[in-house]
Amino acid sequence: MDAALGPPAEDVTRLRSYLNDLVSVVALPALWAGSEPPQIVSTLLDALVGTLRAEFVFVRLTNPEGGGPFIEMVRVVESLKGLARAREITEAIDSSLGDAPLKWPAHARVLVGNLDLSVASAHLGLHGEIGGVIAGSQRRDFPVQTERLSLDVAANQAAIGLQQARLLSEQRRVAQELDERVAQRIGELARANENTARTRAHFALARGQHSSDTIVQ
């Protein structure tokens, strides 16, 4: 009687699968700790293709210094590679949704060649200042609520990782610049000391010659 009142086995299996996917997404930071942005994006693509059962996942990072995209990567599943190439997907996204991640809608349909795909996007960063991620599927109901949540959580995790990576990169740049300045200053001081030593030696030699001339007279 109790078994009959419980949830269907199919629902339980689906819930377990979703929880496993969510745990995998939450654990992503452990995989890219200390990594550069390209490695973080690559890990994110691999994870989302699997957890969302998507045909493709596309990430575009904005350049923190301006001047166009910083990084663009696409992951396409084997079943779609014969029908759509990565460049076609990127061009279709730009044509349908625009090239600014900040303006990408949360849900839309994109035509890639003859494929009518349902896509879902999420901002990277509070206001999309870091970039955006888009996942696409041939399923008409994509993304379902659990997939939407997984995408948002993964995007938040990636945004934190990318912010930390950029901060670490900036710290390394500043440290390298400081080292270069210190090395330059040390070189300047060394050359100044050499010049001072040469000047003192020159005056000492001149003084010695003057003393010799005086004795001869």
C-alpha atoms as a PDB file:
ATOM      1  CA  MET A   1       0.000   0.000   0.000  1.00  0.00           C
ATOM      2  CA  ASP A   2       2.806   2.415   0.930  1.00  0.00           C
ATOM      3  CA  ALA A   3       4.670   1.550  -2.280  1.00  0.00           C
ATOM      4  CA  ALA A   4       1.583   2.341  -4.315  1.00  0.00           C
ATOM      5  CA  LEU A   5       1.367   5.794  -2.724  1.00  0.00           C
ATOM      6  CA  GLY A   6       5.040   6.598  -3.345  1.00  0.00           C
ATOM      7  CA  PRO A   7       6.385   8.452  -6.403  1.00  0.00           C
ATOM      8  CA  PRO A   8       6.771   6.482  -9.644  1.00  0.00           C
ATOM      9  CA  ALA A   9      10.132   4.778 -10.064  1.00  0.00           C
ATOM     10  CA  GLU A  10      10.745   6.838 -13.206  1.00  0.00           C
ATOM     11  CA  ASP A  11      10.403  10.091 -11.260  1.00  0.00           C
ATOM     12  CA  VAL A  12      12.772   8.851  -8.574  1.00  0.00           C
ATOM     13  CA  THR A  13      15.363   7.909 -11.201  1.00  0.00           C
ATOM     14  CA  ARG A  14      14.995  11.284 -12.899  1.00  0.00           C
ATOM     15  CA  LEU A  15      15.389  13.106  -9.588  1.00  0.00           C
ATOM     16  CA  ARG A  16      18.503  11.137  -8.695  1.00  0.00           C
ATOM     17  CA  SER A  17      19.979  11.869 -12.110  1.00  0.00           C
ATOM     18  CA  TYR A  18      19.287  15.575 -11.713  1.00  0.00           C
ATOM     19  CA  LEU A  19      20.800  15.658  -8.210  1.00  0.00           C
ATOM     20  CA  ASN A  20      23.913  13.922  -9.506  1.00  0.00           C
ATOM     21  CA  ASP A  21      24.183  16.488 -12.299  1.00  0.00           C
ATOM     22  CA  LEU A  22      23.741  19.355  -9.851  1.00  0.00           C
ATOM     23  CA  VAL A  23      26.417  17.954  -7.547  1.00  0.00           C
ATOM     24  CA  SER A  24      28.770  17.716 -10.539  1.00  0.00           C
ATOM     25  CA  VAL A  25      28.091  21.345 -11.415  1.00  0.00           C
ATOM     26  CA  VAL A  26      28.621  22.535  -7.844  1.00  0.00           C
ATOM     27  CA  ALA A  27      31.945  20.647  -7.747  1.00  0.00           C
ATOM     28  CA  LEU A  28      33.292  22.355 -10.884  1.00  0.00           C
ATOM     29  CA  PRO A  29      35.425  24.946  -9.011  1.00  0.00           C
ATOM     30  CA  ALA A  30      37.571  22.128  -7.643  1.00  0.00           C
ATOM     31  CA  LEU A  31      38.464  21.162 -11.223  1.00  0.00           C
ATOM     32  CA  TRP A  32      39.543  24.594 -12.418  1.00  0.00           C
ATOM     33  CA  ALA A  33      41.116  25.986  -9.231  1.00  0.00           C
ATOM     34  CA  GLY A  34      44.177  28.004 -10.259  1.00  0.00           C
ATOM     35  CA  SER A  35      43.442  27.567 -13.967  1.00  0.00           C
ATOM     36  CA  GLU A  36      43.528  30.193 -16.690  1.00  0.00           C
ATOM     37  CA  PRO A  37      40.271  31.332 -18.383  1.00  0.00           C
ATOM     38  CA  PRO A  38      40.653  28.988 -21.416  1.00  0.00           C
ATOM     39  CA  GLN A  39      40.887  25.940 -19.139  1.00  0.00           C
ATOM     40  CA  ILE A  40      37.910  27.110 -17.073  1.00  0.00           C
ATOM     41  CA  VAL A  41      35.790  27.596 -20.186  1.00  0.00           C
ATOM     42  CA  SER A  42      36.807  24.209 -21.609  1.00  0.00           C
ATOM     43  CA  THR A  43      35.847  22.455 -18.368  1.00  0.00           C
ATOM     44  CA  LEU A  44      32.543  24.331 -18.283  1.00  0.00           C
ATOM     45  CA  LEU A  45      31.715  23.271 -21.849  1.00  0.00           C
ATOM     46  CA  ASP A  46      32.422  19.611 -21.160  1.00  0.00           C
ATOM     47  CA  ALA A  47      30.323  19.662 -18.001  1.00  0.00           C
ATOM     48  CA  LEU A  48      27.309  21.398 -19.549  1.00  0.00           C
ATOM     49  CA  VAL A  49      27.192  19.238 -22.659  1.00  0.00           C
ATOM     50  CA  GLY A  50      26.780  16.255 -20.365  1.00  0.00           C
ATOM     51  CA  THR A  51      24.511  17.644 -17.666  1.00  0.00           C
ATOM     52  CA  LEU A  52      22.154  19.466 -20.053  1.00  0.00           C
ATOM     53  CA  ARG A  53      22.155  16.738 -22.718  1.00  0.00           C
ATOM     54  CA  ALA A  54      22.684  19.611 -25.138  1.00  0.00           C
ATOM     55  CA  GLU A  55      23.733  19.384 -28.774  1.00  0.00           C
ATOM     56  CA  PHE A  56      26.100  22.307 -28.343  1.00  0.00           C
ATOM     57  CA  VAL A  57      27.349  24.737 -25.713  1.00  0.00           C
ATOM     58  CA  PHE A  58      28.929  28.060 -26.621  1.00  0.00           C
ATOM     59  CA  VAL A  59      30.819  30.474 -24.357  1.00  0.00           C
ATOM     60  CA  ARG A  60      31.921  33.992 -25.178  1.00  0.00           C
ATOM     61  CA  LEU A  61      34.055  35.993 -22.763  1.00  0.00           C
ATOM     62  CA  THR A  62      34.318  39.731 -23.159  1.00  0.00           C
ATOM     63  CA  ASN A  63      37.722  41.361 -23.268  1.00  0.00           C
ATOM     64  CA  PRO A  64      38.303  43.154 -19.945  1.00  0.00           C
ATOM     65  CA  GLU A  65      40.354  45.744 -21.831  1.00  0.00           C
ATOM     66  CA  GLY A  66      37.777  46.209 -24.595  1.00  0.00           C
ATOM     67  CA  GLY A  67      38.314  45.590 -28.287  1.00  0.00           C
ATOM     68  CA  GLY A  68      36.120  42.584 -28.993  1.00  0.00           C
ATOM     69  CA  PRO A  69      35.727  39.049 -27.613  1.00  0.00           C
ATOM     70  CA  PHE A  70      38.420  37.745 -25.319  1.00  0.00           C
ATOM     71  CA  ILE A  71      37.683  34.018 -25.677  1.00  0.00           C
ATOM     72  CA  GLU A  72      35.144  32.085 -27.735  1.00  0.00           C
ATOM     73  CA  MET A  73      34.694  28.325 -27.500  1.00  0.00           C
ATOM     74  CA  VAL A  74      32.072  25.891 -28.785  1.00  0.00           C
ATOM     75  CA  ARG A  75      31.544  22.264 -27.860  1.00  0.00           C
ATOM     76  CA  VAL A  76      29.432  20.269 -30.344  1.00  0.00           C
ATOM     77  CA  VAL A  77      28.299  16.679 -29.775  1.00  0.00           C
ATOM     78  CA  GLU A  78      29.159  14.070 -32.374  1.00  0.00           C
ATOM     79  CA  SER A  79      25.562  13.642 -33.514  1.00  0.00           C
ATOM     80  CA  LEU A  80      25.425  17.304 -34.560  1.00  0.00           C
ATOM     81  CA  LYS A  81      28.867  17.674 -36.127  1.00  0.00           C
ATOM     82  CA  GLY A  82      27.699  16.394 -39.479  1.00  0.00           C
ATOM     83  CA  LEU A  83      24.827  18.894 -39.519  1.00  0.00           C
ATOM     84  CA  ALA A  84      26.334  22.042 -38.033  1.00  0.00           C
ATOM     85  CA  ARG A  85      29.869  23.305 -37.596  1.00  0.00           C
ATOM     86  CA  ALA A  86      31.112  25.441 -34.744  1.00  0.00           C
ATOM     87  CA  ARG A  87      31.480  28.503 -36.991  1.00  0.00           C
ATOM     88  CA  GLU A  88      27.908  28.133 -38.246  1.00  0.00           C
ATOM     89  CA  ILE A  89      26.642  27.995 -34.679  1.00  0.00           C
ATOM     90  CA  THR A  90      28.582  31.123 -33.708  1.00  0.00           C
ATOM     91  CA  GLU A  91      27.356  33.014 -36.769  1.00  0.00           C
ATOM     92  CA  ALA A  92      23.757  31.911 -36.142  1.00  0.00           C
ATOM     93  CA  ILE A  93      23.924  33.139 -32.536  1.00  0.00           C
ATOM     94  CA  ASP A  94      25.321  36.515 -33.582  1.00  0.00           C
ATOM     95  CA  SER A  95      22.726  36.840 -36.333  1.00  0.00           C
ATOM     96  CA  SER A  96      19.746  35.880 -34.163  1.00  0.00           C
ATOM     97  CA  LEU A  97      20.729  37.082 -30.691  1.00  0.00           C
ATOM     98  CA  GLY A  98      23.499  39.618 -31.304  1.00  0.00           C
ATOM     99  CA  ASP A  99      27.183  39.520 -30.414  1.00  0.00           C
ATOM    100  CA  ALA A 100      26.795  41.058 -26.925  1.00  0.00           C
ATOM    101  CA  PRO A 101      26.220  38.411 -24.206  1.00  0.00           C
ATOM    102  CA  LEU A 102      24.564  41.029 -22.022  1.00  0.00           C
ATOM    103  CA  LYS A 103      21.674  41.247 -24.509  1.00  0.00           C
ATOM    104  CA  TRP A 104      21.146  37.510 -25.017  1.00  0.00           C
ATOM    105  CA  PRO A 105      17.612  36.437 -23.978  1.00  0.00           C
ATOM    106  CA  ALA A 106      17.228  33.679 -21.404  1.00  0.00           C
ATOM    107  CA  HIS A 107      15.418  31.506 -23.943  1.00  0.00           C
ATOM    108  CA  ALA A 108      15.093  31.677 -27.730  1.00  0.00           C
ATOM    109  CA  ARG A 109      15.111  29.691 -30.934  1.00  0.00           C
ATOM    110  CA  VAL A 110      18.030  29.816 -33.325  1.00  0.00           C
ATOM    111  CA  LEU A 111      18.179  28.522 -36.884  1.00  0.00           C
ATOM    112  CA  VAL A 112      21.515  26.872 -37.677  1.00  0.00           C
ATOM    113  CA  GLY A 113      21.405  25.808 -41.314  1.00  0.00           C
ATOM    114  CA  ASN A 114      18.305  23.632 -41.513  1.00  0.00           C
ATOM    115  CA  LEU A 115      18.249  22.980 -37.773  1.00  0.00           C
ATOM    116  CA  ASP A 116      15.738  24.808 -35.610  1.00  0.00           C
ATOM    117  CA  LEU A 117      17.306  24.730 -32.163  1.00  0.00           C
ATOM    118  CA  SER A 118      15.991  25.767 -28.791  1.00  0.00           C
ATOM    119  CA  VAL A 119      18.653  27.664 -26.855  1.00  0.00           C
ATOM    120  CA  ALA A 120      19.058  28.864 -23.291  1.00  0.00           C
ATOM    121  CA  SER A 121      21.589  31.441 -22.166  1.00  0.00           C
ATOM    122  CA  ALA A 122      23.024  32.648 -18.874  1.00  0.00           C
ATOM    123  CA  HIS A 123      25.168  35.639 -18.036  1.00  0.00           C
ATOM    124  CA  LEU A 124      28.676  35.277 -16.700  1.00  0.00           C
ATOM    125  CA  GLY A 125      28.888  37.931 -14.030  1.00  0.00           C
ATOM    126  CA  LEU A 126      26.148  39.836 -12.264  1.00  0.00           C
ATOM    127  CA  HIS A 127      25.440  41.979 -15.310  1.00  0.00           C
ATOM    128  CA  GLY A 128      27.049  39.802 -17.972  1.00  0.00           C
ATOM    129  CA  GLU A 129      30.221  41.872 -17.812  1.00  0.00           C
ATOM    130  CA  ILE A 130      32.386  38.741 -18.037  1.00  0.00           C
ATOM    131  CA  GLY A 131      30.480  37.161 -20.923  1.00  0.00           C
ATOM    132  CA  GLY A 132      27.779  34.600 -21.507  1.00  0.00           C
ATOM    133  CA  VAL A 133      27.065  30.928 -22.106  1.00  0.00           C
ATOM    134  CA  ILE A 134      24.505  29.447 -24.498  1.00  0.00           C
ATOM    135  CA  ALA A 135      23.340  25.837 -24.697  1.00  0.00           C
ATOM    136  CA  GLY A 136      21.257  24.516 -27.593  1.00  0.00           C
ATOM    137  CA  SER A 137      19.150  21.440 -28.164  1.00  0.00           C
ATOM    138  CA  GLN A 138      16.797  20.042 -30.799  1.00  0.00           C
ATOM    139  CA  ARG A 139      14.299  19.274 -28.047  1.00  0.00           C
ATOM    140  CA  ARG A 140      11.348  21.627 -28.203  1.00  0.00           C
ATOM    141  CA  ASP A 141      10.990  21.702 -24.407  1.00  0.00           C
ATOM    142  CA  PHE A 142      14.638  22.641 -23.780  1.00  0.00           C
ATOM    143  CA  PRO A 143      15.478  23.787 -21.210  1.00  0.00           C
ATOM    144  CA  VAL A 144      13.232  22.174 -18.627  1.00  0.00           C
ATOM    145  CA  GLN A 145      13.252  23.682 -15.156  1.00  0.00           C
ATOM    146  CA  THR A 146      16.017  21.460 -13.783  1.00  0.00           C
ATOM    147  CA  GLU A 147      18.229  22.156 -16.823  1.00  0.00           C
ATOM    148  CA  ARG A 148      17.652  25.884 -16.417  1.00  0.00           C
ATOM    149  CA  LEU A 149      18.764  25.664 -12.804  1.00  0.00           C
ATOM    150  CA  SER A 150      21.868  23.634 -13.692  1.00  0.00           C
ATOM    151  CA  LEU A 151      22.821  26.179 -16.368  1.00  0.00           C
ATOM    152  CA  ASP A 152      22.413  29.110 -13.975  1.00  0.00           C
ATOM    153  CA  VAL A 153      24.392  27.420 -11.204  1.00  0.00           C
ATOM    154  CA  ALA A 154      27.188  26.463 -13.613  1.00  0.00           C
ATOM    155  CA  ALA A 155      27.302  30.028 -14.980  1.00  0.00           C
ATOM    156  CA  ASN A 156      27.569  31.451 -11.455  1.00  0.00           C
ATOM    157  CA  GLN A 157      30.347  29.033 -10.571  1.00  0.00           C
ATOM    158  CA  ALA A 158      32.203  29.848 -13.781  1.00  0.00           C
ATOM    159  CA  ALA A 159      31.829  33.588 -13.221  1.00  0.00           C
ATOM    160  CA  ILE A 160      33.458  33.289  -9.799  1.00  0.00           C
ATOM    161  CA  GLY A 161      36.260  31.156 -11.228  1.00  0.00           C
ATOM    162  CA  LEU A 162      36.853  33.565 -14.112  1.00  0.00           C
ATOM    163  CA  GLN A 163      36.883  36.573 -11.791  1.00  0.00           C
ATOM    164  CA  GLN A 164      39.472  34.861  -9.615  1.00  0.00           C
ATOM    165  CA  ALA A 165      41.508  33.895 -12.693  1.00  0.00           C
ATOM    166  CA  ARG A 166      41.459  37.472 -13.964  1.00  0.00           C
ATOM    167  CA  LEU A 167      42.444  38.785 -10.543  1.00  0.00           C
ATOM    168  CA  LEU A 168      45.284  36.271 -10.339  1.00  0.00           C
ATOM    169  CA  SER A 169      46.403  37.194 -13.849  1.00  0.00           C
ATOM    170  CA  GLU A 170      46.374  40.878 -12.919  1.00  0.00           C
ATOM    171  CA  GLN A 171      48.369  40.161  -9.773  1.00  0.00           C
ATOM    172  CA  ARG A 172      50.918  38.227 -11.821  1.00  0.00           C
ATOM    173  CA  ARG A 173      51.114  41.068 -14.336  1.00  0.00           C
ATOM    174  CA  VAL A 174      51.661  43.642 -11.598  1.00  0.00           C
ATOM    175  CA  ALA A 175      54.257  41.428  -9.911  1.00  0.00           C
ATOM    176  CA  GLN A 176      56.092  40.910 -13.204  1.00  0.00           C
ATOM    177  CA  GLU A 177      55.986  44.625 -13.928  1.00  0.00           C
ATOM    178  CA  LEU A 178      57.322  45.338 -10.453  1.00  0.00           C
ATOM    179  CA  ASP A 179      60.121  42.792 -10.925  1.00  0.00           C
ATOM    180  CA  GLU A 180      61.028  44.368 -14.250  1.00  0.00           C
ATOM    181  CA  ARG A 181      61.094  47.832 -12.696  1.00  0.00           C
ATOM    182  CA  VAL A 182      63.239  46.601  -9.805  1.00  0.00           C
ATOM    183  CA  ALA A 183      65.617  44.903 -12.231  1.00  0.00           C
ATOM    184  CA  GLN A 184      65.765  48.059 -14.324  1.00  0.00           C
ATOM    185  CA  ARG A 185      66.464  50.186 -11.257  1.00  0.00           C
ATOM    186  CA  ILE A 186      69.152  47.801 -10.069  1.00  0.00           C
ATOM    187  CA  GLY A 187      70.750  48.002 -13.498  1.00  0.00           C
ATOM    188  CA  GLU A 188      70.607  51.789 -13.426  1.00  0.00           C
ATOM    189  CA  LEU A 189      72.194  51.871  -9.957  1.00  0.00           C
ATOM    190  CA  ALA A 190      74.875  49.412 -11.035  1.00  0.00           C
ATOM    191  CA  ARG A 191      75.725  51.559 -14.057  1.00  0.00           C
ATOM    192  CA  ALA A 192      75.711  54.674 -11.879  1.00  0.00           C
ATOM    193  CA  ASN A 193      78.092  52.992  -9.418  1.00  0.00           C
ATOM    194  CA  GLU A 194      80.359  51.966 -12.281  1.00  0.00           C
ATOM    195  CA  ASN A 195      80.398  55.508 -13.601  1.00  0.00           C
ATOM    196  CA  THR A 196      81.108  56.843 -10.108  1.00  0.00           C
ATOM    197  CA  ALA A 197      83.932  54.361  -9.655  1.00  0.00           C
ATOM    198  CA  ARG A 198      85.421  55.317 -13.039  1.00  0.00           C
ATOM    199  CA  THR A 199      85.148  59.004 -12.184  1.00  0.00           C
ATOM    200  CA  ARG A 200      86.864  58.496  -8.833  1.00  0.00           C
ATOM    201  CA  ALA A 201      89.601  56.431 -10.468  1.00  0.00           C
ATOM    202  CA  HIS A 202      90.079  59.108 -13.104  1.00  0.00           C
ATOM    203  CA  PHE A 203      90.411  61.853 -10.491  1.00  0.00           C
ATOM    204  CA  ALA A 204      92.750  59.695  -8.406  1.00  0.00           C
ATOM    205  CA  LEU A 205      94.935  59.066 -11.440  1.00  0.00           C
ATOM    206  CA  ALA A 206      94.904  62.728 -12.358  1.00  0.00           C
ATOM    207  CA  ARG A 207      95.820  63.697  -8.778  1.00  0.00           C
ATOM    208  CA  GLY A 208      98.671  61.199  -8.793  1.00  0.00           C
ATOM    209  CA  GLN A 209     100.025  62.559 -12.049  1.00  0.00           C
ATOM    210  CA  HIS A 210      99.829  66.116 -10.697  1.00  0.00           C
ATOM    211  CA  SER A 211     101.808  65.110  -7.597  1.00  0.00           C
ATOM    212  CA  SER A 212     104.520  63.495  -9.780  1.00  0.00           C
ATOM    213  CA  ASP A 213     104.808  66.601 -11.909  1.00  0.00           C
ATOM    214  CA  THR A 214     105.251  68.756  -8.792  1.00  0.00           C
ATOM    215  CA  ILE A 215     108.097  66.579  -7.459  1.00  0.00           C
ATOM    216  CA  VAL A 216     109.937  66.638 -10.792  1.00  0.00           C
ATOM    217  CA  GLN A 217     109.855  70.418 -10.840  1.00  0.00           C
END
